[in-house]
Amino acid sequence: MSKNIHNMNLPLCKNCIHFSPEILNGSFTSHFTKCNKFGNKNLVSGKINYEFATSCRNEETLCGIKANYFKEDPNIKFKIARYNFLNYLPKKIIIVSVIVVLFKFNS
């Protein structure tokens, strides 16, 4: 019995220039990632509320399953590295701070 994997040849949102990782942890796989191509501007504050990437891919009037507005991000590796670094940065600062405090305490 063979299985077919659907959508194998379709572009991934995370590789698109319009893709924005989840804000709180920089995740590229969260359901809270955004698409900077679609959103609504608040006419009072000017803040733009972008649509969720999954919603855009599920809605044919937006990007749709076939990724109608997909543009490959030439800097995707840098983008992923930056978000990974920023995601782990607070943990690194805490670890280094604890080591410094322990070192001073033991001196």
PDB file of N, CA and C in Angstrom:
ATOM      1  N   MET A   1       0.850  -1.176   0.000  1.00  0.00           N
ATOM      2  CA  MET A   1       0.000   0.000   0.000  1.00  0.00           C
ATOM      3  C   MET A   1       0.901   1.247   0.000  1.00  0.00           C
ATOM      4  N   SER A   2       0.780   2.083  -1.012  1.00  0.00           N
ATOM      5  CA  SER A   2       1.599   3.294  -1.064  1.00  0.00           C
ATOM      6  C   SER A   2       0.793   4.496  -0.569  1.00  0.00           C
ATOM      7  N   LYS A   3       1.528   5.417   0.013  1.00  0.00           N
ATOM      8  CA  LYS A   3       0.898   6.644   0.513  1.00  0.00           C
ATOM      9  C   LYS A   3       1.398   7.818  -0.311  1.00  0.00           C
ATOM     10  N   ASN A   4       0.531   8.756  -0.550  1.00  0.00           N
ATOM     11  CA  ASN A   4       0.913   9.968  -1.253  1.00  0.00           C
ATOM     12  C   ASN A   4       0.969  11.118  -0.261  1.00  0.00           C
ATOM     13  N   ILE A   5       2.037  11.857  -0.331  1.00  0.00           N
ATOM     14  CA  ILE A   5       2.160  13.039   0.522  1.00  0.00           C
ATOM     15  C   ILE A   5       1.700  14.234  -0.294  1.00  0.00           C
ATOM     16  N   HIS A   6       0.677  14.883   0.189  1.00  0.00           N
ATOM     17  CA  HIS A   6       0.113  16.040  -0.510  1.00  0.00           C
ATOM     18  C   HIS A   6       1.001  17.270  -0.326  1.00  0.00           C
ATOM     19  N   ASN A   7       0.983  18.152  -1.286  1.00  0.00           N
ATOM     20  CA  ASN A   7       1.654  19.464  -1.235  1.00  0.00           C
ATOM     21  C   ASN A   7       3.174  19.388  -1.236  1.00  0.00           C
ATOM     22  N   MET A   8       3.767  18.293  -1.636  1.00  0.00           N
ATOM     23  CA  MET A   8       5.224  18.130  -1.597  1.00  0.00           C
ATOM     24  C   MET A   8       5.951  19.137  -2.483  1.00  0.00           C
ATOM     25  N   ASN A   9       5.373  19.526  -3.584  1.00  0.00           N
ATOM     26  CA  ASN A   9       6.068  20.398  -4.532  1.00  0.00           C
ATOM     27  C   ASN A   9       5.675  21.870  -4.401  1.00  0.00           C
ATOM     28  N   LEU A  10       4.954  22.201  -3.354  1.00  0.00           N
ATOM     29  CA  LEU A  10       4.527  23.590  -3.171  1.00  0.00           C
ATOM     30  C   LEU A  10       5.531  24.338  -2.295  1.00  0.00           C
ATOM     31  N   PRO A  11       5.699  25.645  -2.542  1.00  0.00           N
ATOM     32  CA  PRO A  11       6.646  26.429  -1.741  1.00  0.00           C
ATOM     33  C   PRO A  11       6.218  26.521  -0.273  1.00  0.00           C
ATOM     34  N   LEU A  12       7.204  26.645   0.595  1.00  0.00           N
ATOM     35  CA  LEU A  12       6.953  26.794   2.030  1.00  0.00           C
ATOM     36  C   LEU A  12       6.942  28.271   2.402  1.00  0.00           C
ATOM     37  N   CYS A  13       6.005  28.667   3.242  1.00  0.00           N
ATOM     38  CA  CYS A  13       5.909  30.056   3.683  1.00  0.00           C
ATOM     39  C   CYS A  13       7.207  30.527   4.333  1.00  0.00           C
ATOM     40  N   LYS A  14       7.846  29.660   5.113  1.00  0.00           N
ATOM     41  CA  LYS A  14       9.053  30.067   5.840  1.00  0.00           C
ATOM     42  C   LYS A  14      10.188  30.477   4.905  1.00  0.00           C
ATOM     43  N   ASN A  15      10.104  30.128   3.622  1.00  0.00           N
ATOM     44  CA  ASN A  15      11.133  30.503   2.655  1.00  0.00           C
ATOM     45  C   ASN A  15      10.764  31.743   1.839  1.00  0.00           C
ATOM     46  N   CYS A  16       9.680  32.399   2.221  1.00  0.00           N
ATOM     47  CA  CYS A  16       9.163  33.557   1.476  1.00  0.00           C
ATOM     48  C   CYS A  16       9.608  34.869   2.132  1.00  0.00           C
ATOM     49  N   ILE A  17       9.820  35.890   1.312  1.00  0.00           N
ATOM     50  CA  ILE A  17      10.223  37.195   1.852  1.00  0.00           C
ATOM     51  C   ILE A  17       9.125  37.835   2.695  1.00  0.00           C
ATOM     52  N   HIS A  18       7.882  37.442   2.506  1.00  0.00           N
ATOM     53  CA  HIS A  18       6.770  38.009   3.263  1.00  0.00           C
ATOM     54  C   HIS A  18       6.547  37.335   4.617  1.00  0.00           C
ATOM     55  N   PHE A  19       7.242  36.235   4.865  1.00  0.00           N
ATOM     56  CA  PHE A  19       7.053  35.442   6.082  1.00  0.00           C
ATOM     57  C   PHE A  19       7.712  36.112   7.283  1.00  0.00           C
ATOM     58  N   SER A  20       7.005  36.097   8.406  1.00  0.00           N
ATOM     59  CA  SER A  20       7.536  36.637   9.652  1.00  0.00           C
ATOM     60  C   SER A  20       7.383  35.592  10.751  1.00  0.00           C
ATOM     61  N   PRO A  21       8.516  35.163  11.356  1.00  0.00           N
ATOM     62  CA  PRO A  21       8.435  34.160  12.429  1.00  0.00           C
ATOM     63  C   PRO A  21       7.598  34.654  13.594  1.00  0.00           C
ATOM     64  N   GLU A  22       7.181  33.731  14.417  1.00  0.00           N
ATOM     65  CA  GLU A  22       6.384  34.056  15.599  1.00  0.00           C
ATOM     66  C   GLU A  22       7.184  34.995  16.500  1.00  0.00           C
ATOM     67  N   ILE A  23       6.575  36.054  16.968  1.00  0.00           N
ATOM     68  CA  ILE A  23       7.260  37.132  17.667  1.00  0.00           C
ATOM     69  C   ILE A  23       7.889  36.704  18.984  1.00  0.00           C
ATOM     70  N   LEU A  24       7.179  35.959  19.792  1.00  0.00           N
ATOM     71  CA  LEU A  24       7.667  35.671  21.137  1.00  0.00           C
ATOM     72  C   LEU A  24       8.888  34.777  21.177  1.00  0.00           C
ATOM     73  N   ASN A  25       8.972  33.795  20.307  1.00  0.00           N
ATOM     74  CA  ASN A  25      10.125  32.904  20.374  1.00  0.00           C
ATOM     75  C   ASN A  25      10.848  32.736  19.047  1.00  0.00           C
ATOM     76  N   GLY A  26      10.473  33.502  18.037  1.00  0.00           N
ATOM     77  CA  GLY A  26      11.157  33.419  16.761  1.00  0.00           C
ATOM     78  C   GLY A  26      10.953  32.117  16.022  1.00  0.00           C
ATOM     79  N   SER A  27       9.897  31.406  16.355  1.00  0.00           N
ATOM     80  CA  SER A  27       9.651  30.099  15.767  1.00  0.00           C
ATOM     81  C   SER A  27       9.236  30.209  14.302  1.00  0.00           C
ATOM     82  N   PHE A  28       9.817  29.339  13.493  1.00  0.00           N
ATOM     83  CA  PHE A  28       9.442  29.268  12.089  1.00  0.00           C
ATOM     84  C   PHE A  28       8.375  28.211  11.859  1.00  0.00           C
ATOM     85  N   THR A  29       7.965  27.512  12.917  1.00  0.00           N
ATOM     86  CA  THR A  29       7.003  26.429  12.765  1.00  0.00           C
ATOM     87  C   THR A  29       5.713  26.645  13.546  1.00  0.00           C
ATOM     88  N   SER A  30       5.619  27.718  14.282  1.00  0.00           N
ATOM     89  CA  SER A  30       4.444  27.997  15.099  1.00  0.00           C
ATOM     90  C   SER A  30       3.237  28.336  14.228  1.00  0.00           C
ATOM     91  N   HIS A  31       2.056  28.100  14.752  1.00  0.00           N
ATOM     92  CA  HIS A  31       0.827  28.493  14.062  1.00  0.00           C
ATOM     93  C   HIS A  31       0.579  29.999  14.172  1.00  0.00           C
ATOM     94  N   PHE A  32       1.448  30.696  14.907  1.00  0.00           N
ATOM     95  CA  PHE A  32       1.285  32.137  15.097  1.00  0.00           C
ATOM     96  C   PHE A  32       2.218  32.951  14.213  1.00  0.00           C
ATOM     97  N   THR A  33       2.835  32.317  13.205  1.00  0.00           N
ATOM     98  CA  THR A  33       3.676  33.057  12.270  1.00  0.00           C
ATOM     99  C   THR A  33       2.782  33.944  11.416  1.00  0.00           C
ATOM    100  N   LYS A  34       3.344  35.001  10.884  1.00  0.00           N
ATOM    101  CA  LYS A  34       2.557  35.987  10.136  1.00  0.00           C
ATOM    102  C   LYS A  34       3.041  36.100   8.693  1.00  0.00           C
ATOM    103  N   CYS A  35       2.169  36.630   7.858  1.00  0.00           N
ATOM    104  CA  CYS A  35       2.503  36.944   6.476  1.00  0.00           C
ATOM    105  C   CYS A  35       2.441  38.461   6.336  1.00  0.00           C
ATOM    106  N   ASN A  36       3.575  39.064   6.025  1.00  0.00           N
ATOM    107  CA  ASN A  36       3.642  40.524   5.909  1.00  0.00           C
ATOM    108  C   ASN A  36       3.087  41.054   4.587  1.00  0.00           C
ATOM    109  N   LYS A  37       2.539  40.181   3.783  1.00  0.00           N
ATOM    110  CA  LYS A  37       1.918  40.596   2.517  1.00  0.00           C
ATOM    111  C   LYS A  37       0.466  41.029   2.735  1.00  0.00           C
ATOM    112  N   PHE A  38      -0.191  40.430   3.751  1.00  0.00           N
ATOM    113  CA  PHE A  38      -1.618  40.689   3.969  1.00  0.00           C
ATOM    114  C   PHE A  38      -1.873  41.153   5.393  1.00  0.00           C
ATOM    115  N   GLY A  39      -2.701  42.167   5.528  1.00  0.00           N
ATOM    116  CA  GLY A  39      -3.051  42.659   6.845  1.00  0.00           C
ATOM    117  C   GLY A  39      -3.988  43.849   6.757  1.00  0.00           C
ATOM    118  N   ASN A  40      -4.248  44.440   7.902  1.00  0.00           N
ATOM    119  CA  ASN A  40      -5.115  45.617   7.975  1.00  0.00           C
ATOM    120  C   ASN A  40      -4.419  46.703   8.783  1.00  0.00           C
ATOM    121  N   LYS A  41      -4.458  47.913   8.277  1.00  0.00           N
ATOM    122  CA  LYS A  41      -3.849  49.051   8.950  1.00  0.00           C
ATOM    123  C   LYS A  41      -4.889  49.732   9.830  1.00  0.00           C
ATOM    124  N   ASN A  42      -4.547  49.931  11.101  1.00  0.00           N
ATOM    125  CA  ASN A  42      -5.409  50.669  12.005  1.00  0.00           C
ATOM    126  C   ASN A  42      -5.352  52.135  11.589  1.00  0.00           C
ATOM    127  N   LEU A  43      -6.493  52.711  11.252  1.00  0.00           N
ATOM    128  CA  LEU A  43      -6.532  54.077  10.733  1.00  0.00           C
ATOM    129  C   LEU A  43      -6.309  55.141  11.792  1.00  0.00           C
ATOM    130  N   VAL A  44      -6.298  54.765  13.047  1.00  0.00           N
ATOM    131  CA  VAL A  44      -6.018  55.715  14.124  1.00  0.00           C
ATOM    132  C   VAL A  44      -4.537  55.658  14.506  1.00  0.00           C
ATOM    133  N   SER A  45      -4.052  54.461  14.805  1.00  0.00           N
ATOM    134  CA  SER A  45      -2.671  54.320  15.283  1.00  0.00           C
ATOM    135  C   SER A  45      -1.664  54.114  14.159  1.00  0.00           C
ATOM    136  N   GLY A  46      -2.117  53.625  13.017  1.00  0.00           N
ATOM    137  CA  GLY A  46      -1.216  53.326  11.911  1.00  0.00           C
ATOM    138  C   GLY A  46      -0.574  51.950  12.013  1.00  0.00           C
ATOM    139  N   LYS A  47      -0.853  51.234  13.107  1.00  0.00           N
ATOM    140  CA  LYS A  47      -0.269  49.903  13.291  1.00  0.00           C
ATOM    141  C   LYS A  47      -0.908  48.928  12.306  1.00  0.00           C
ATOM    142  N   ILE A  48      -0.062  48.080  11.703  1.00  0.00           N
ATOM    143  CA  ILE A  48      -0.560  47.078  10.768  1.00  0.00           C
ATOM    144  C   ILE A  48      -0.645  45.744  11.486  1.00  0.00           C
ATOM    145  N   ASN A  49      -1.803  45.148  11.438  1.00  0.00           N
ATOM    146  CA  ASN A  49      -2.018  43.813  11.994  1.00  0.00           C
ATOM    147  C   ASN A  49      -1.985  42.824  10.838  1.00  0.00           C
ATOM    148  N   TYR A  50      -0.905  42.058  10.770  1.00  0.00           N
ATOM    149  CA  TYR A  50      -0.715  41.118   9.674  1.00  0.00           C
ATOM    150  C   TYR A  50      -1.502  39.836   9.901  1.00  0.00           C
ATOM    151  N   GLU A  51      -1.844  39.180   8.808  1.00  0.00           N
ATOM    152  CA  GLU A  51      -2.593  37.928   8.841  1.00  0.00           C
ATOM    153  C   GLU A  51      -1.669  36.771   9.225  1.00  0.00           C
ATOM    154  N   PHE A  52      -2.236  35.729   9.823  1.00  0.00           N
ATOM    155  CA  PHE A  52      -1.474  34.522  10.111  1.00  0.00           C
ATOM    156  C   PHE A  52      -1.140  33.826   8.795  1.00  0.00           C
ATOM    157  N   ALA A  53       0.075  33.297   8.709  1.00  0.00           N
ATOM    158  CA  ALA A  53       0.523  32.636   7.480  1.00  0.00           C
ATOM    159  C   ALA A  53      -0.388  31.461   7.110  1.00  0.00           C
ATOM    160  N   THR A  54      -0.795  30.681   8.098  1.00  0.00           N
ATOM    161  CA  THR A  54      -1.662  29.533   7.794  1.00  0.00           C
ATOM    162  C   THR A  54      -3.002  29.988   7.218  1.00  0.00           C
ATOM    163  N   SER A  55      -3.521  31.092   7.708  1.00  0.00           N
ATOM    164  CA  SER A  55      -4.788  31.618   7.180  1.00  0.00           C
ATOM    165  C   SER A  55      -4.621  32.054   5.729  1.00  0.00           C
ATOM    166  N   CYS A  56      -3.493  32.683   5.434  1.00  0.00           N
ATOM    167  CA  CYS A  56      -3.244  33.140   4.061  1.00  0.00           C
ATOM    168  C   CYS A  56      -3.142  31.976   3.090  1.00  0.00           C
ATOM    169  N   ARG A  57      -2.506  30.884   3.519  1.00  0.00           N
ATOM    170  CA  ARG A  57      -2.356  29.724   2.637  1.00  0.00           C
ATOM    171  C   ARG A  57      -3.666  28.970   2.477  1.00  0.00           C
ATOM    172  N   ASN A  58      -4.543  29.047   3.458  1.00  0.00           N
ATOM    173  CA  ASN A  58      -5.828  28.354   3.376  1.00  0.00           C
ATOM    174  C   ASN A  58      -6.887  29.154   2.620  1.00  0.00           C
ATOM    175  N   GLU A  59      -6.619  30.407   2.359  1.00  0.00           N
ATOM    176  CA  GLU A  59      -7.598  31.288   1.716  1.00  0.00           C
ATOM    177  C   GLU A  59      -7.140  31.618   0.291  1.00  0.00           C
ATOM    178  N   GLU A  60      -7.883  31.136  -0.688  1.00  0.00           N
ATOM    179  CA  GLU A  60      -7.498  31.330  -2.090  1.00  0.00           C
ATOM    180  C   GLU A  60      -7.533  32.802  -2.524  1.00  0.00           C
ATOM    181  N   THR A  61      -8.284  33.651  -1.839  1.00  0.00           N
ATOM    182  CA  THR A  61      -8.293  35.074  -2.197  1.00  0.00           C
ATOM    183  C   THR A  61      -7.032  35.773  -1.680  1.00  0.00           C
ATOM    184  N   LEU A  62      -6.274  35.110  -0.810  1.00  0.00           N
ATOM    185  CA  LEU A  62      -4.985  35.652  -0.340  1.00  0.00           C
ATOM    186  C   LEU A  62      -3.892  34.906  -1.109  1.00  0.00           C
ATOM    187  N   CYS A  63      -3.024  34.223  -0.440  1.00  0.00           N
ATOM    188  CA  CYS A  63      -1.948  33.503  -1.131  1.00  0.00           C
ATOM    189  C   CYS A  63      -2.410  32.150  -1.652  1.00  0.00           C
ATOM    190  N   GLY A  64      -3.237  31.478  -0.870  1.00  0.00           N
ATOM    191  CA  GLY A  64      -3.780  30.194  -1.303  1.00  0.00           C
ATOM    192  C   GLY A  64      -2.800  29.045  -1.207  1.00  0.00           C
ATOM    193  N   ILE A  65      -3.317  27.862  -1.441  1.00  0.00           N
ATOM    194  CA  ILE A  65      -2.519  26.638  -1.363  1.00  0.00           C
ATOM    195  C   ILE A  65      -1.319  26.700  -2.305  1.00  0.00           C
ATOM    196  N   LYS A  66      -1.490  27.276  -3.474  1.00  0.00           N
ATOM    197  CA  LYS A  66      -0.411  27.292  -4.469  1.00  0.00           C
ATOM    198  C   LYS A  66       0.587  28.427  -4.260  1.00  0.00           C
ATOM    199  N   ALA A  67       0.435  29.207  -3.201  1.00  0.00           N
ATOM    200  CA  ALA A  67       1.364  30.300  -2.855  1.00  0.00           C
ATOM    201  C   ALA A  67       1.483  31.313  -4.001  1.00  0.00           C
ATOM    202  N   ASN A  68       0.358  31.895  -4.361  1.00  0.00           N
ATOM    203  CA  ASN A  68       0.296  32.815  -5.496  1.00  0.00           C
ATOM    204  C   ASN A  68       1.220  34.027  -5.375  1.00  0.00           C
ATOM    205  N   TYR A  69       1.527  34.471  -4.163  1.00  0.00           N
ATOM    206  CA  TYR A  69       2.360  35.654  -3.968  1.00  0.00           C
ATOM    207  C   TYR A  69       3.745  35.314  -3.412  1.00  0.00           C
ATOM    208  N   PHE A  70       4.113  34.044  -3.468  1.00  0.00           N
ATOM    209  CA  PHE A  70       5.391  33.591  -2.938  1.00  0.00           C
ATOM    210  C   PHE A  70       6.553  34.220  -3.693  1.00  0.00           C
ATOM    211  N   LYS A  71       7.508  34.754  -2.929  1.00  0.00           N
ATOM    212  CA  LYS A  71       8.779  35.247  -3.474  1.00  0.00           C
ATOM    213  C   LYS A  71       9.871  34.681  -2.574  1.00  0.00           C
ATOM    214  N   GLU A  72      10.755  33.907  -3.162  1.00  0.00           N
ATOM    215  CA  GLU A  72      11.791  33.256  -2.364  1.00  0.00           C
ATOM    216  C   GLU A  72      12.698  34.285  -1.696  1.00  0.00           C
ATOM    217  N   ASP A  73      12.950  34.071  -0.424  1.00  0.00           N
ATOM    218  CA  ASP A  73      13.811  34.956   0.355  1.00  0.00           C
ATOM    219  C   ASP A  73      15.267  34.558   0.115  1.00  0.00           C
ATOM    220  N   PRO A  74      16.060  35.437  -0.518  1.00  0.00           N
ATOM    221  CA  PRO A  74      17.456  35.084  -0.785  1.00  0.00           C
ATOM    222  C   PRO A  74      18.304  35.028   0.490  1.00  0.00           C
ATOM    223  N   ASN A  75      17.803  35.602   1.573  1.00  0.00           N
ATOM    224  CA  ASN A  75      18.545  35.644   2.831  1.00  0.00           C
ATOM    225  C   ASN A  75      17.946  34.733   3.896  1.00  0.00           C
ATOM    226  N   ILE A  76      17.291  33.656   3.481  1.00  0.00           N
ATOM    227  CA  ILE A  76      16.579  32.814   4.436  1.00  0.00           C
ATOM    228  C   ILE A  76      17.511  32.214   5.487  1.00  0.00           C
ATOM    229  N   LYS A  77      18.713  31.815   5.108  1.00  0.00           N
ATOM    230  CA  LYS A  77      19.632  31.221   6.086  1.00  0.00           C
ATOM    231  C   LYS A  77      20.024  32.254   7.147  1.00  0.00           C
ATOM    232  N   PHE A  78      20.259  33.491   6.746  1.00  0.00           N
ATOM    233  CA  PHE A  78      20.569  34.554   7.696  1.00  0.00           C
ATOM    234  C   PHE A  78      19.376  34.833   8.598  1.00  0.00           C
ATOM    235  N   LYS A  79      18.193  34.854   8.016  1.00  0.00           N
ATOM    236  CA  LYS A  79      16.967  35.118   8.771  1.00  0.00           C
ATOM    237  C   LYS A  79      16.757  34.062   9.861  1.00  0.00           C
ATOM    238  N   ILE A  80      16.947  32.798   9.513  1.00  0.00           N
ATOM    239  CA  ILE A  80      16.797  31.714  10.482  1.00  0.00           C
ATOM    240  C   ILE A  80      17.870  31.816  11.562  1.00  0.00           C
ATOM    241  N   ALA A  81      19.110  32.064  11.167  1.00  0.00           N
ATOM    242  CA  ALA A  81      20.212  32.185  12.140  1.00  0.00           C
ATOM    243  C   ALA A  81      19.967  33.340  13.105  1.00  0.00           C
ATOM    244  N   ARG A  82      19.492  34.470  12.592  1.00  0.00           N
ATOM    245  CA  ARG A  82      19.223  35.640  13.435  1.00  0.00           C
ATOM    246  C   ARG A  82      18.146  35.335  14.466  1.00  0.00           C
ATOM    247  N   TYR A  83      17.063  34.726  14.023  1.00  0.00           N
ATOM    248  CA  TYR A  83      15.988  34.413  14.958  1.00  0.00           C
ATOM    249  C   TYR A  83      16.402  33.350  15.962  1.00  0.00           C
ATOM    250  N   ASN A  84      17.185  32.362  15.528  1.00  0.00           N
ATOM    251  CA  ASN A  84      17.682  31.356  16.467  1.00  0.00           C
ATOM    252  C   ASN A  84      18.602  31.991  17.503  1.00  0.00           C
ATOM    253  N   PHE A  85      19.465  32.884  17.067  1.00  0.00           N
ATOM    254  CA  PHE A  85      20.375  33.561  17.984  1.00  0.00           C
ATOM    255  C   PHE A  85      19.601  34.397  18.986  1.00  0.00           C
ATOM    256  N   LEU A  86      18.647  35.181  18.505  1.00  0.00           N
ATOM    257  CA  LEU A  86      17.861  36.027  19.405  1.00  0.00           C
ATOM    258  C   LEU A  86      17.001  35.204  20.347  1.00  0.00           C
ATOM    259  N   ASN A  87      16.544  34.058  19.884  1.00  0.00           N
ATOM    260  CA  ASN A  87      15.729  33.188  20.720  1.00  0.00           C
ATOM    261  C   ASN A  87      16.535  32.637  21.887  1.00  0.00           C
ATOM    262  N   TYR A  88      17.795  32.296  21.649  1.00  0.00           N
ATOM    263  CA  TYR A  88      18.620  31.701  22.689  1.00  0.00           C
ATOM    264  C   TYR A  88      19.452  32.730  23.450  1.00  0.00           C
ATOM    265  N   LEU A  89      19.491  33.982  22.980  1.00  0.00           N
ATOM    266  CA  LEU A  89      20.303  35.017  23.613  1.00  0.00           C
ATOM    267  C   LEU A  89      19.974  35.222  25.086  1.00  0.00           C
ATOM    268  N   PRO A  90      18.699  35.372  25.480  1.00  0.00           N
ATOM    269  CA  PRO A  90      18.414  35.571  26.911  1.00  0.00           C
ATOM    270  C   PRO A  90      18.908  34.411  27.770  1.00  0.00           C
ATOM    271  N   LYS A  91      18.806  33.196  27.264  1.00  0.00           N
ATOM    272  CA  LYS A  91      19.286  32.047  28.016  1.00  0.00           C
ATOM    273  C   LYS A  91      20.795  32.119  28.188  1.00  0.00           C
ATOM    274  N   LYS A  92      21.502  32.542  27.135  1.00  0.00           N
ATOM    275  CA  LYS A  92      22.955  32.659  27.196  1.00  0.00           C
ATOM    276  C   LYS A  92      23.367  33.741  28.193  1.00  0.00           C
ATOM    277  N   ILE A  93      22.652  34.858  28.197  1.00  0.00           N
ATOM    278  CA  ILE A  93      22.976  35.948  29.124  1.00  0.00           C
ATOM    279  C   ILE A  93      22.796  35.485  30.558  1.00  0.00           C
ATOM    280  N   ILE A  94      21.743  34.763  30.826  1.00  0.00           N
ATOM    281  CA  ILE A  94      21.492  34.260  32.179  1.00  0.00           C
ATOM    282  C   ILE A  94      22.597  33.295  32.591  1.00  0.00           C
ATOM    283  N   ILE A  95      22.971  32.381  31.706  1.00  0.00           N
ATOM    284  CA  ILE A  95      24.013  31.409  32.030  1.00  0.00           C
ATOM    285  C   ILE A  95      25.342  32.110  32.302  1.00  0.00           C
ATOM    286  N   VAL A  96      25.711  33.048  31.453  1.00  0.00           N
ATOM    287  CA  VAL A  96      26.966  33.786  31.645  1.00  0.00           C
ATOM    288  C   VAL A  96      26.905  34.593  32.933  1.00  0.00           C
ATOM    289  N   SER A  97      25.780  35.218  33.222  1.00  0.00           N
ATOM    290  CA  SER A  97      25.638  36.000  34.453  1.00  0.00           C
ATOM    291  C   SER A  97      25.798  35.121  35.686  1.00  0.00           C
ATOM    292  N   VAL A  98      25.205  33.941  35.654  1.00  0.00           N
ATOM    293  CA  VAL A  98      25.323  33.016  36.783  1.00  0.00           C
ATOM    294  C   VAL A  98      26.776  32.582  36.953  1.00  0.00           C
ATOM    295  N   ILE A  99      27.455  32.297  35.865  1.00  0.00           N
ATOM    296  CA  ILE A  99      28.863  31.889  35.936  1.00  0.00           C
ATOM    297  C   ILE A  99      29.711  33.011  36.518  1.00  0.00           C
ATOM    298  N   VAL A 100      29.476  34.229  36.081  1.00  0.00           N
ATOM    299  CA  VAL A 100      30.240  35.382  36.595  1.00  0.00           C
ATOM    300  C   VAL A 100      29.982  35.557  38.094  1.00  0.00           C
ATOM    301  N   VAL A 101      28.747  35.471  38.515  1.00  0.00           N
ATOM    302  CA  VAL A 101      28.402  35.615  39.938  1.00  0.00           C
ATOM    303  C   VAL A 101      29.064  34.503  40.748  1.00  0.00           C
ATOM    304  N   LEU A 102      28.990  33.286  40.268  1.00  0.00           N
ATOM    305  CA  LEU A 102      29.615  32.158  40.969  1.00  0.00           C
ATOM    306  C   LEU A 102      31.125  32.324  41.034  1.00  0.00           C
ATOM    307  N   PHE A 103      31.716  32.782  39.961  1.00  0.00           N
ATOM    308  CA  PHE A 103      33.172  32.986  39.932  1.00  0.00           C
ATOM    309  C   PHE A 103      33.568  34.049  40.950  1.00  0.00           C
ATOM    310  N   LYS A 104      32.839  35.170  41.008  1.00  0.00           N
ATOM    311  CA  LYS A 104      33.140  36.239  41.972  1.00  0.00           C
ATOM    312  C   LYS A 104      32.900  35.766  43.396  1.00  0.00           C
ATOM    313  N   PHE A 105      31.863  34.972  43.599  1.00  0.00           N
ATOM    314  CA  PHE A 105      31.526  34.475  44.921  1.00  0.00           C
ATOM    315  C   PHE A 105      32.604  33.529  45.450  1.00  0.00           C
ATOM    316  N   ASN A 106      33.172  32.719  44.565  1.00  0.00           N
ATOM    317  CA  ASN A 106      34.189  31.752  44.953  1.00  0.00           C
ATOM    318  C   ASN A 106      35.583  32.343  45.008  1.00  0.00           C
ATOM    319  N   SER A 107      35.775  33.558  44.552  1.00  0.00           N
ATOM    320  CA  SER A 107      37.110  34.180  44.546  1.00  0.00           C
ATOM    321  C   SER A 107      37.498  34.761  45.877  1.00  0.00           C
TER     322      SER A 107
END
